[in-house]
Amino acid sequence: MQECFNRGNNIKFFGINDNEQESPEDTEAVLRNFLHKEMKFSKKHLDEIEFERVHRIPIRSREEKKNQHPRPIIAKVSFFKDKQQIKSHIKHLPRGKKFGVADDYPKEVDEIRRKLYPVLKKAKMDNKTTFFNVEKLIIDKAVYRGPETKTFTLYGRIMDNF
């Protein structure tokens, strides 16, 4: 799926307070402040990160507006090494504040990962080497093919063309 490839340098940030009148320039400043204060980036390293685009996901309905969760921020970094550096600082996020950082995938991939997360968690508890590779769950160097995967029409095929 071309969309997964196109989103390769995107990162989603959750739980960062927002303002309805926030411009994209303001959003980038808010994100840089978050990276500095909450994820413990030094000013020097923060200045080296180049963002191509930073924006909030728009609210689609009145129901979402009532929910009052801060809208997620999506940031596209210019270089993959910047994405890796940001992800390496996730360990500095304070516990209990509901902040989150994740790769930005299409809805279909997010749904697959959400449904397979309990399997990943159990495999980790069993001390198995486990991780997601886009939409595929890898357990001990093999693609997981459990009963849950039978309902996923794209499972194991999304990134096969790249």
Protein backbone atom coordinates (compact mmCIF):
# COMPACT_ATOMS: atom_id res chain seq x y z
CA MET A 1 0.00 0.00 0.00
CA GLN A 2 1.55 3.22 -1.20
CA GLU A 3 0.02 5.13 1.70
CA CYS A 4 2.16 3.25 4.26
CA PHE A 5 5.27 4.06 2.31
CA ASN A 6 4.30 7.74 2.01
CA ARG A 7 3.75 7.98 5.76
CA GLY A 8 7.13 6.44 6.58
CA ASN A 9 8.59 9.63 8.08
CA ASN A 10 5.42 10.64 9.96
CA ILE A 11 5.03 10.48 13.72
CA LYS A 12 1.82 10.96 15.75
CA PHE A 13 1.90 12.67 19.13
CA PHE A 14 -1.01 12.25 21.56
CA GLY A 15 -2.09 14.13 24.68
CA ILE A 16 -0.51 17.52 23.90
CA ASN A 17 -2.92 20.33 24.82
CA ASP A 18 -4.21 22.36 21.90
CA ASN A 19 -6.01 25.55 21.08
CA GLU A 20 -8.69 25.78 18.36
CA GLN A 21 -7.03 28.90 16.91
CA GLU A 22 -3.63 27.21 16.70
CA SER A 23 -1.90 27.80 13.35
CA PRO A 24 0.52 25.23 11.82
CA GLU A 25 3.43 27.44 12.90
CA ASP A 26 2.07 27.49 16.45
CA THR A 27 1.64 23.71 16.34
CA GLU A 28 5.31 23.22 15.43
CA ALA A 29 6.34 25.50 18.31
CA VAL A 30 4.05 23.55 20.68
CA LEU A 31 5.60 20.27 19.47
CA ARG A 32 9.18 21.54 19.86
CA ASN A 33 8.35 22.74 23.39
CA PHE A 34 6.87 19.28 24.18
CA LEU A 35 9.99 17.54 22.83
CA HIS A 36 12.20 19.76 24.98
CA LYS A 37 10.22 19.67 28.23
CA GLU A 38 8.57 16.24 28.26
CA MET A 39 10.91 14.14 26.12
CA LYS A 40 14.12 15.78 27.43
CA PHE A 41 15.59 16.91 24.10
CA SER A 42 18.47 19.34 24.43
CA LYS A 43 18.07 22.63 22.57
CA LYS A 44 21.02 21.66 20.35
CA HIS A 45 19.48 18.35 19.26
CA LEU A 46 16.06 19.93 18.88
CA ASP A 47 17.42 22.58 16.51
CA GLU A 48 18.89 19.82 14.30
CA ILE A 49 15.49 18.18 13.71
CA GLU A 50 13.83 19.33 10.49
CA PHE A 51 10.09 19.08 10.14
CA GLU A 52 8.60 19.22 6.66
CA ARG A 53 5.11 19.62 8.04
CA VAL A 54 3.42 19.71 11.45
CA HIS A 55 -0.35 19.80 11.87
CA ARG A 56 -3.19 18.66 14.09
CA ILE A 57 -5.77 16.11 12.99
CA PRO A 58 -8.99 18.09 12.44
CA ILE A 59 -12.14 17.42 14.44
CA ARG A 60 -14.77 15.76 12.24
CA SER A 61 -17.93 15.87 14.34
CA ARG A 62 -19.61 17.52 17.29
CA GLU A 63 -19.24 14.22 19.18
CA GLU A 64 -15.46 14.43 18.88
CA LYS A 65 -15.57 18.06 20.01
CA LYS A 66 -17.56 17.08 23.12
CA ASN A 67 -14.99 14.37 23.89
CA GLN A 68 -12.46 17.16 24.58
CA HIS A 69 -9.34 15.06 24.06
CA PRO A 70 -6.47 17.09 22.61
CA ARG A 71 -6.26 16.54 18.86
CA PRO A 72 -3.22 14.45 17.89
CA ILE A 73 -0.29 16.14 16.15
CA ILE A 74 1.20 14.60 13.02
CA ALA A 75 4.75 15.62 12.21
CA LYS A 76 6.63 14.70 9.05
CA VAL A 77 10.38 14.72 9.61
CA SER A 78 12.78 15.33 6.75
CA PHE A 79 15.12 12.49 7.63
CA PHE A 80 14.51 8.99 8.96
CA LYS A 81 17.32 9.47 11.50
CA ASP A 82 15.29 12.30 13.06
CA LYS A 83 12.33 9.95 13.48
CA GLN A 84 14.58 7.36 15.13
CA GLN A 85 16.02 10.00 17.45
CA ILE A 86 12.54 11.12 18.51
CA LYS A 87 11.48 7.52 19.13
CA SER A 88 14.61 6.90 21.22
CA HIS A 89 13.42 9.62 23.63
CA ILE A 90 10.00 8.01 24.28
CA LYS A 91 11.47 6.49 27.45
CA HIS A 92 11.62 10.00 28.95
CA LEU A 93 7.86 10.59 28.75
CA PRO A 94 6.38 11.02 32.22
CA ARG A 95 4.14 8.18 33.35
CA GLY A 96 0.49 8.89 34.06
CA LYS A 97 0.15 11.99 31.87
CA LYS A 98 -1.43 10.18 28.88
CA PHE A 99 1.17 11.36 26.40
CA GLY A 100 1.89 9.05 23.50
CA VAL A 101 4.08 8.77 20.42
CA ALA A 102 3.38 6.37 17.56
CA ASP A 103 4.07 5.76 13.90
CA ASP A 104 1.44 7.19 11.59
CA TYR A 105 -0.28 4.40 9.66
CA PRO A 106 -3.52 4.22 7.67
CA LYS A 107 -6.70 3.26 9.50
CA GLU A 108 -6.56 -0.34 8.19
CA VAL A 109 -3.08 -0.92 9.61
CA ASP A 110 -3.97 0.70 12.95
CA GLU A 111 -6.98 -1.64 13.21
CA ILE A 112 -4.84 -4.74 12.53
CA ARG A 113 -2.26 -3.65 15.11
CA ARG A 114 -4.96 -2.88 17.69
CA LYS A 115 -6.49 -6.34 17.34
CA LEU A 116 -3.12 -8.11 17.47
CA TYR A 117 -1.78 -6.11 20.41
CA PRO A 118 -3.02 -8.64 23.03
CA VAL A 119 -1.14 -11.38 21.14
CA LEU A 120 2.03 -9.25 21.13
CA LYS A 121 1.66 -8.56 24.85
CA LYS A 122 1.23 -12.25 25.70
CA ALA A 123 4.22 -13.25 23.55
CA LYS A 124 6.38 -10.65 25.34
CA MET A 125 5.26 -12.04 28.70
CA ASP A 126 6.40 -15.46 27.43
CA ASN A 127 9.86 -13.90 26.75
CA LYS A 128 9.56 -14.22 22.98
CA THR A 129 11.16 -11.74 20.59
CA THR A 130 8.12 -9.85 19.36
CA PHE A 131 7.46 -6.70 17.33
CA PHE A 132 5.27 -5.20 14.63
CA ASN A 133 6.63 -4.72 11.12
CA VAL A 134 4.00 -2.33 9.72
CA GLU A 135 0.89 -4.59 9.76
CA LYS A 136 2.65 -7.90 10.43
CA LEU A 137 3.21 -9.27 13.92
CA ILE A 138 6.59 -10.98 14.12
CA ILE A 139 7.12 -13.53 16.90
CA ASP A 140 10.49 -15.29 17.12
CA LYS A 141 11.44 -14.32 13.53
CA ALA A 142 8.18 -15.65 11.97
CA VAL A 143 5.03 -13.84 10.83
CA TYR A 144 2.21 -14.62 13.26
CA ARG A 145 -0.66 -16.46 11.50
CA GLY A 146 -3.18 -17.01 14.29
CA PRO A 147 -6.97 -17.22 14.03
CA GLU A 148 -7.30 -13.42 14.35
CA THR A 149 -5.41 -12.89 11.09
CA LYS A 150 -7.94 -14.81 8.98
CA THR A 151 -10.26 -11.77 8.96
CA PHE A 152 -7.55 -9.33 7.80
CA THR A 153 -7.69 -9.22 3.99
CA LEU A 154 -4.45 -7.22 3.74
CA TYR A 155 -2.49 -9.00 6.49
CA GLY A 156 1.08 -9.64 5.40
CA ARG A 157 0.56 -8.03 1.98
CA ILE A 158 0.63 -4.28 2.55
CA MET A 159 4.37 -3.75 2.17
CA ASP A 160 5.06 -6.73 -0.15
CA ASN A 161 5.28 -4.45 -3.20
CA PHE A 162 8.15 -2.36 -1.83
